[in-house]
């Protein structure tokens, strides 16, 4: 995505003009507190993902460039066919 705000319009366009039920996205650059933005902007999808900056945020004020993060957007109509398995393990 090269950042959520930079890539949001491309994902929005694909979501509106394609028949995709699933998006696998990376490099959204959001902190854990801002992951809700996916649910706000893509209301026909539910999101499952993580921020790569969890550890940095936990250590205090952010410094430097934003980085990382992955998220999966799944169309809400397909939600009943999805089994979400998560892990709290940090690499």
C-alpha atoms as a PDB file:
ATOM      1  CA  UNK A   1       0.000   0.000   0.000  1.00  0.00           C
ATOM      2  CA  UNK A   2       2.931   2.330   0.624  1.00  0.00           C
ATOM      3  CA  UNK A   3       0.945   3.754   3.545  1.00  0.00           C
ATOM      4  CA  UNK A   4      -2.785   3.547   4.301  1.00  0.00           C
ATOM      5  CA  UNK A   5      -3.673   7.030   3.087  1.00  0.00           C
ATOM      6  CA  UNK A   6      -1.605   6.682  -0.068  1.00  0.00           C
ATOM      7  CA  UNK A   7      -2.963   3.244  -1.043  1.00  0.00           C
ATOM      8  CA  UNK A   8      -6.528   3.613   0.191  1.00  0.00           C
ATOM      9  CA  UNK A   9      -7.872   5.037  -3.080  1.00  0.00           C
ATOM     10  CA  UNK A  10      -6.470   2.132  -5.123  1.00  0.00           C
ATOM     11  CA  UNK A  11      -7.982  -0.463  -2.783  1.00  0.00           C
ATOM     12  CA  UNK A  12     -11.270   1.455  -2.743  1.00  0.00           C
ATOM     13  CA  UNK A  13     -11.361   1.514  -6.555  1.00  0.00           C
ATOM     14  CA  UNK A  14     -10.621  -2.223  -6.741  1.00  0.00           C
ATOM     15  CA  UNK A  15     -13.285  -2.969  -4.132  1.00  0.00           C
ATOM     16  CA  UNK A  16     -15.917  -1.000  -6.046  1.00  0.00           C
ATOM     17  CA  UNK A  17     -15.120  -2.235  -9.565  1.00  0.00           C
ATOM     18  CA  UNK A  18     -14.094  -5.845  -9.079  1.00  0.00           C
ATOM     19  CA  UNK A  19     -15.725  -8.969  -7.761  1.00  0.00           C
ATOM     20  CA  UNK A  20     -12.937  -9.714  -5.295  1.00  0.00           C
ATOM     21  CA  UNK A  21     -13.997 -11.104  -1.930  1.00  0.00           C
ATOM     22  CA  UNK A  22     -10.549 -10.886  -0.378  1.00  0.00           C
ATOM     23  CA  UNK A  23      -7.645  -8.445  -0.307  1.00  0.00           C
ATOM     24  CA  UNK A  24      -4.222  -9.254   1.131  1.00  0.00           C
ATOM     25  CA  UNK A  25      -2.465  -5.961   1.855  1.00  0.00           C
ATOM     26  CA  UNK A  26       0.884  -5.045   3.335  1.00  0.00           C
ATOM     27  CA  UNK A  27       2.843  -1.914   4.207  1.00  0.00           C
ATOM     28  CA  UNK A  28      -0.172   0.005   5.525  1.00  0.00           C
ATOM     29  CA  UNK A  29       2.057   1.788   8.075  1.00  0.00           C
ATOM     30  CA  UNK A  30      -0.666   2.131  10.720  1.00  0.00           C
ATOM     31  CA  UNK A  31      -0.135   1.911  14.469  1.00  0.00           C
ATOM     32  CA  UNK A  32      -2.275  -0.625  16.382  1.00  0.00           C
ATOM     33  CA  UNK A  33      -4.566   2.194  17.549  1.00  0.00           C
ATOM     34  CA  UNK A  34      -5.331   3.173  13.933  1.00  0.00           C
ATOM     35  CA  UNK A  35      -6.174  -0.226  12.447  1.00  0.00           C
ATOM     36  CA  UNK A  36      -9.850   0.692  12.844  1.00  0.00           C
ATOM     37  CA  UNK A  37      -9.448   2.883   9.737  1.00  0.00           C
ATOM     38  CA  UNK A  38      -9.830  -0.197   7.536  1.00  0.00           C
ATOM     39  CA  UNK A  39     -13.266  -0.907   9.030  1.00  0.00           C
ATOM     40  CA  UNK A  40     -14.280   2.741   8.691  1.00  0.00           C
ATOM     41  CA  UNK A  41     -13.246   3.174   5.044  1.00  0.00           C
ATOM     42  CA  UNK A  42     -14.107  -0.283   3.725  1.00  0.00           C
ATOM     43  CA  UNK A  43     -17.502  -0.874   5.302  1.00  0.00           C
ATOM     44  CA  UNK A  44     -18.397  -3.826   3.033  1.00  0.00           C
ATOM     45  CA  UNK A  45     -15.339  -5.705   4.315  1.00  0.00           C
ATOM     46  CA  UNK A  46     -14.152  -6.809   7.715  1.00  0.00           C
ATOM     47  CA  UNK A  47     -10.475  -6.674   8.520  1.00  0.00           C
ATOM     48  CA  UNK A  48      -7.996  -8.949  10.235  1.00  0.00           C
ATOM     49  CA  UNK A  49      -4.414  -7.828  10.562  1.00  0.00           C
ATOM     50  CA  UNK A  50      -1.633  -6.354  12.570  1.00  0.00           C
ATOM     51  CA  UNK A  51       0.698  -3.421  12.848  1.00  0.00           C
ATOM     52  CA  UNK A  52       4.442  -3.862  12.571  1.00  0.00           C
ATOM     53  CA  UNK A  53       4.855  -0.948  14.976  1.00  0.00           C
ATOM     54  CA  UNK A  54       3.346  -2.555  18.092  1.00  0.00           C
ATOM     55  CA  UNK A  55       6.721  -2.926  19.774  1.00  0.00           C
ATOM     56  CA  UNK A  56       7.839   0.627  18.888  1.00  0.00           C
ATOM     57  CA  UNK A  57       4.609   2.169  20.193  1.00  0.00           C
ATOM     58  CA  UNK A  58       5.013   0.223  23.435  1.00  0.00           C
ATOM     59  CA  UNK A  59       8.458   1.748  23.957  1.00  0.00           C
ATOM     60  CA  UNK A  60       7.263   5.342  23.890  1.00  0.00           C
ATOM     61  CA  UNK A  61       6.936   8.133  21.337  1.00  0.00           C
ATOM     62  CA  UNK A  62       7.343   7.124  17.698  1.00  0.00           C
ATOM     63  CA  UNK A  63      10.481   8.375  16.015  1.00  0.00           C
ATOM     64  CA  UNK A  64      11.533   8.049  12.406  1.00  0.00           C
ATOM     65  CA  UNK A  65       9.595   6.635   9.515  1.00  0.00           C
ATOM     66  CA  UNK A  66       6.419   4.585   9.723  1.00  0.00           C
ATOM     67  CA  UNK A  67       6.779   1.004   8.502  1.00  0.00           C
ATOM     68  CA  UNK A  68       5.203  -2.383   7.895  1.00  0.00           C
ATOM     69  CA  UNK A  69       1.882  -3.932   8.731  1.00  0.00           C
ATOM     70  CA  UNK A  70      -0.328  -6.521   7.064  1.00  0.00           C
ATOM     71  CA  UNK A  71      -4.082  -6.799   6.827  1.00  0.00           C
ATOM     72  CA  UNK A  72      -6.673  -9.018   5.177  1.00  0.00           C
ATOM     73  CA  UNK A  73      -9.961  -7.532   4.009  1.00  0.00           C
ATOM     74  CA  UNK A  74     -12.763 -10.085   3.612  1.00  0.00           C
ATOM     75  CA  UNK A  75     -16.098  -9.147   2.086  1.00  0.00           C
ATOM     76  CA  UNK A  76     -18.756  -9.263   4.812  1.00  0.00           C
ATOM     77  CA  UNK A  77     -21.051 -11.329   2.622  1.00  0.00           C
ATOM     78  CA  UNK A  78     -18.378 -14.095   2.643  1.00  0.00           C
ATOM     79  CA  UNK A  79     -17.812 -13.818   6.399  1.00  0.00           C
ATOM     80  CA  UNK A  80     -19.805 -16.950   7.155  1.00  0.00           C
ATOM     81  CA  UNK A  81     -17.351 -18.961   5.024  1.00  0.00           C
ATOM     82  CA  UNK A  82     -14.270 -17.600   6.822  1.00  0.00           C
ATOM     83  CA  UNK A  83     -12.600 -19.155   9.847  1.00  0.00           C
ATOM     84  CA  UNK A  84     -10.285 -16.632  11.495  1.00  0.00           C
ATOM     85  CA  UNK A  85      -7.325 -18.075  13.371  1.00  0.00           C
ATOM     86  CA  UNK A  86      -5.017 -15.609  15.083  1.00  0.00           C
ATOM     87  CA  UNK A  87      -1.815 -15.798  17.044  1.00  0.00           C
ATOM     88  CA  UNK A  88      -0.333 -13.367  19.537  1.00  0.00           C
ATOM     89  CA  UNK A  89       3.189 -14.589  18.846  1.00  0.00           C
ATOM     90  CA  UNK A  90       5.677 -11.879  17.901  1.00  0.00           C
ATOM     91  CA  UNK A  91       8.539 -12.790  15.621  1.00  0.00           C
END
